[in-house]
C-alpha atoms as a PDB file:
ATOM      1  CA  MET A   1       4.959  28.061 -62.210  1.00  0.00           C
ATOM      2  CA  GLY A   2       7.896  26.264 -60.716  1.00  0.00           C
ATOM      3  CA  GLU A   3       9.895  27.536 -57.791  1.00  0.00           C
ATOM      4  CA  SER A   4      12.338  29.550 -59.907  1.00  0.00           C
ATOM      5  CA  ILE A   5      11.288  28.869 -63.529  1.00  0.00           C
ATOM      6  CA  TYR A   6       8.097  28.544 -65.535  1.00  0.00           C
ATOM      7  CA  GLU A   7       6.982  24.960 -66.057  1.00  0.00           C
ATOM      8  CA  ILE A   8       4.582  23.634 -68.681  1.00  0.00           C
ATOM      9  CA  ASP A   9       2.354  20.754 -67.588  1.00  0.00           C
ATOM     10  CA  PRO A  10       2.421  18.390 -70.595  1.00  0.00           C
ATOM     11  CA  HIS A  11      -0.887  16.863 -69.476  1.00  0.00           C
ATOM     12  CA  LYS A  12      -2.572  20.260 -69.909  1.00  0.00           C
ATOM     13  CA  CYS A  13      -0.572  21.622 -72.847  1.00  0.00           C
ATOM     14  CA  THR A  14      -2.298  21.436 -76.236  1.00  0.00           C
ATOM     15  CA  GLU A  15       0.474  23.411 -77.963  1.00  0.00           C
ATOM     16  CA  CYS A  16      -2.251  26.062 -78.378  1.00  0.00           C
ATOM     17  CA  ILE A  17      -4.268  23.827 -80.744  1.00  0.00           C
ATOM     18  CA  GLY A  18      -7.805  25.216 -80.664  1.00  0.00           C
ATOM     19  CA  HIS A  19      -6.602  28.754 -79.977  1.00  0.00           C
ATOM     20  CA  PHE A  20      -3.580  29.660 -82.152  1.00  0.00           C
ATOM     21  CA  ASP A  21      -1.717  28.394 -85.231  1.00  0.00           C
ATOM     22  CA  GLU A  22       1.495  27.852 -83.273  1.00  0.00           C
ATOM     23  CA  PRO A  23       2.446  27.272 -79.623  1.00  0.00           C
ATOM     24  CA  GLN A  24       2.506  30.701 -78.003  1.00  0.00           C
ATOM     25  CA  CYS A  25       5.225  29.763 -75.508  1.00  0.00           C
ATOM     26  CA  VAL A  26       7.547  29.045 -78.441  1.00  0.00           C
ATOM     27  CA  ALA A  27       6.444  32.129 -80.391  1.00  0.00           C
ATOM     28  CA  LEU A  28       6.911  34.493 -77.422  1.00  0.00           C
ATOM     29  CA  CYS A  29       9.977  33.033 -75.710  1.00  0.00           C
ATOM     30  CA  PRO A  30      12.778  35.602 -76.127  1.00  0.00           C
ATOM     31  CA  VAL A  31      15.574  33.029 -75.820  1.00  0.00           C
ATOM     32  CA  ALA A  32      14.105  30.014 -77.666  1.00  0.00           C
ATOM     33  CA  CYS A  33      14.389  27.753 -74.637  1.00  0.00           C
ATOM     34  CA  ILE A  34      11.182  25.705 -74.928  1.00  0.00           C
ATOM     35  CA  PRO A  35      12.363  22.077 -75.320  1.00  0.00           C
ATOM     36  CA  ILE A  36      10.290  19.310 -76.849  1.00  0.00           C
ATOM     37  CA  HIS A  37       9.767  16.607 -74.248  1.00  0.00           C
ATOM     38  CA  PRO A  38      10.496  13.247 -75.940  1.00  0.00           C
ATOM     39  CA  GLU A  39       7.873  11.429 -73.837  1.00  0.00           C
ATOM     40  CA  PHE A  40       5.099  13.849 -74.860  1.00  0.00           C
ATOM     41  CA  VAL A  41       5.273  14.039 -78.659  1.00  0.00           C
ATOM     42  CA  GLU A  42       1.644  14.211 -79.819  1.00  0.00           C
ATOM     43  CA  SER A  43      -0.030  14.491 -83.199  1.00  0.00           C
ATOM     44  CA  ARG A  44      -2.314  17.395 -84.072  1.00  0.00           C
ATOM     45  CA  GLU A  45      -5.285  15.024 -83.680  1.00  0.00           C
ATOM     46  CA  GLN A  46      -4.154  13.943 -80.202  1.00  0.00           C
ATOM     47  CA  LEU A  47      -3.663  17.566 -79.178  1.00  0.00           C
ATOM     48  CA  MET A  48      -7.143  18.477 -80.484  1.00  0.00           C
ATOM     49  CA  ARG A  49      -8.715  15.613 -78.497  1.00  0.00           C
ATOM     50  CA  LYS A  50      -6.872  16.843 -75.391  1.00  0.00           C
ATOM     51  CA  TYR A  51      -8.101  20.399 -76.052  1.00  0.00           C
ATOM     52  CA  HIS A  52     -11.716  19.179 -76.280  1.00  0.00           C
ATOM     53  CA  ARG A  53     -11.328  17.088 -73.121  1.00  0.00           C
ATOM     54  CA  LEU A  54      -9.802  19.990 -71.168  1.00  0.00           C
ATOM     55  CA  THR A  55     -12.428  22.503 -72.319  1.00  0.00           C
ATOM     56  CA  ALA A  56     -15.494  20.221 -72.266  1.00  0.00           C
ATOM     57  CA  HIS A  57     -16.785  21.478 -68.898  1.00  0.00           C
ATOM     58  CA  LYS A  58     -16.688  25.077 -70.136  1.00  0.00           C
ATOM     59  CA  GLN A  59     -18.710  24.205 -73.244  1.00  0.00           C
ATOM     60  CA  ASP A  60     -21.403  22.429 -71.190  1.00  0.00           C
ATOM     61  CA  VAL A  61     -22.159  25.503 -69.050  1.00  0.00           C
END
């Protein structure tokens, strides 16, 4: 969380791929203020690879 606002780390965000059908931040935001960062547009396949990389240590345990 940022100092006065929530912040989404694009290096850790998988747009909920692997968990939900749509990004939960977008689905739950009451004012539709989640912008798409132009430097972090990723395909579903890229997001799935990121999800597997981020959760790999949990699966090995």
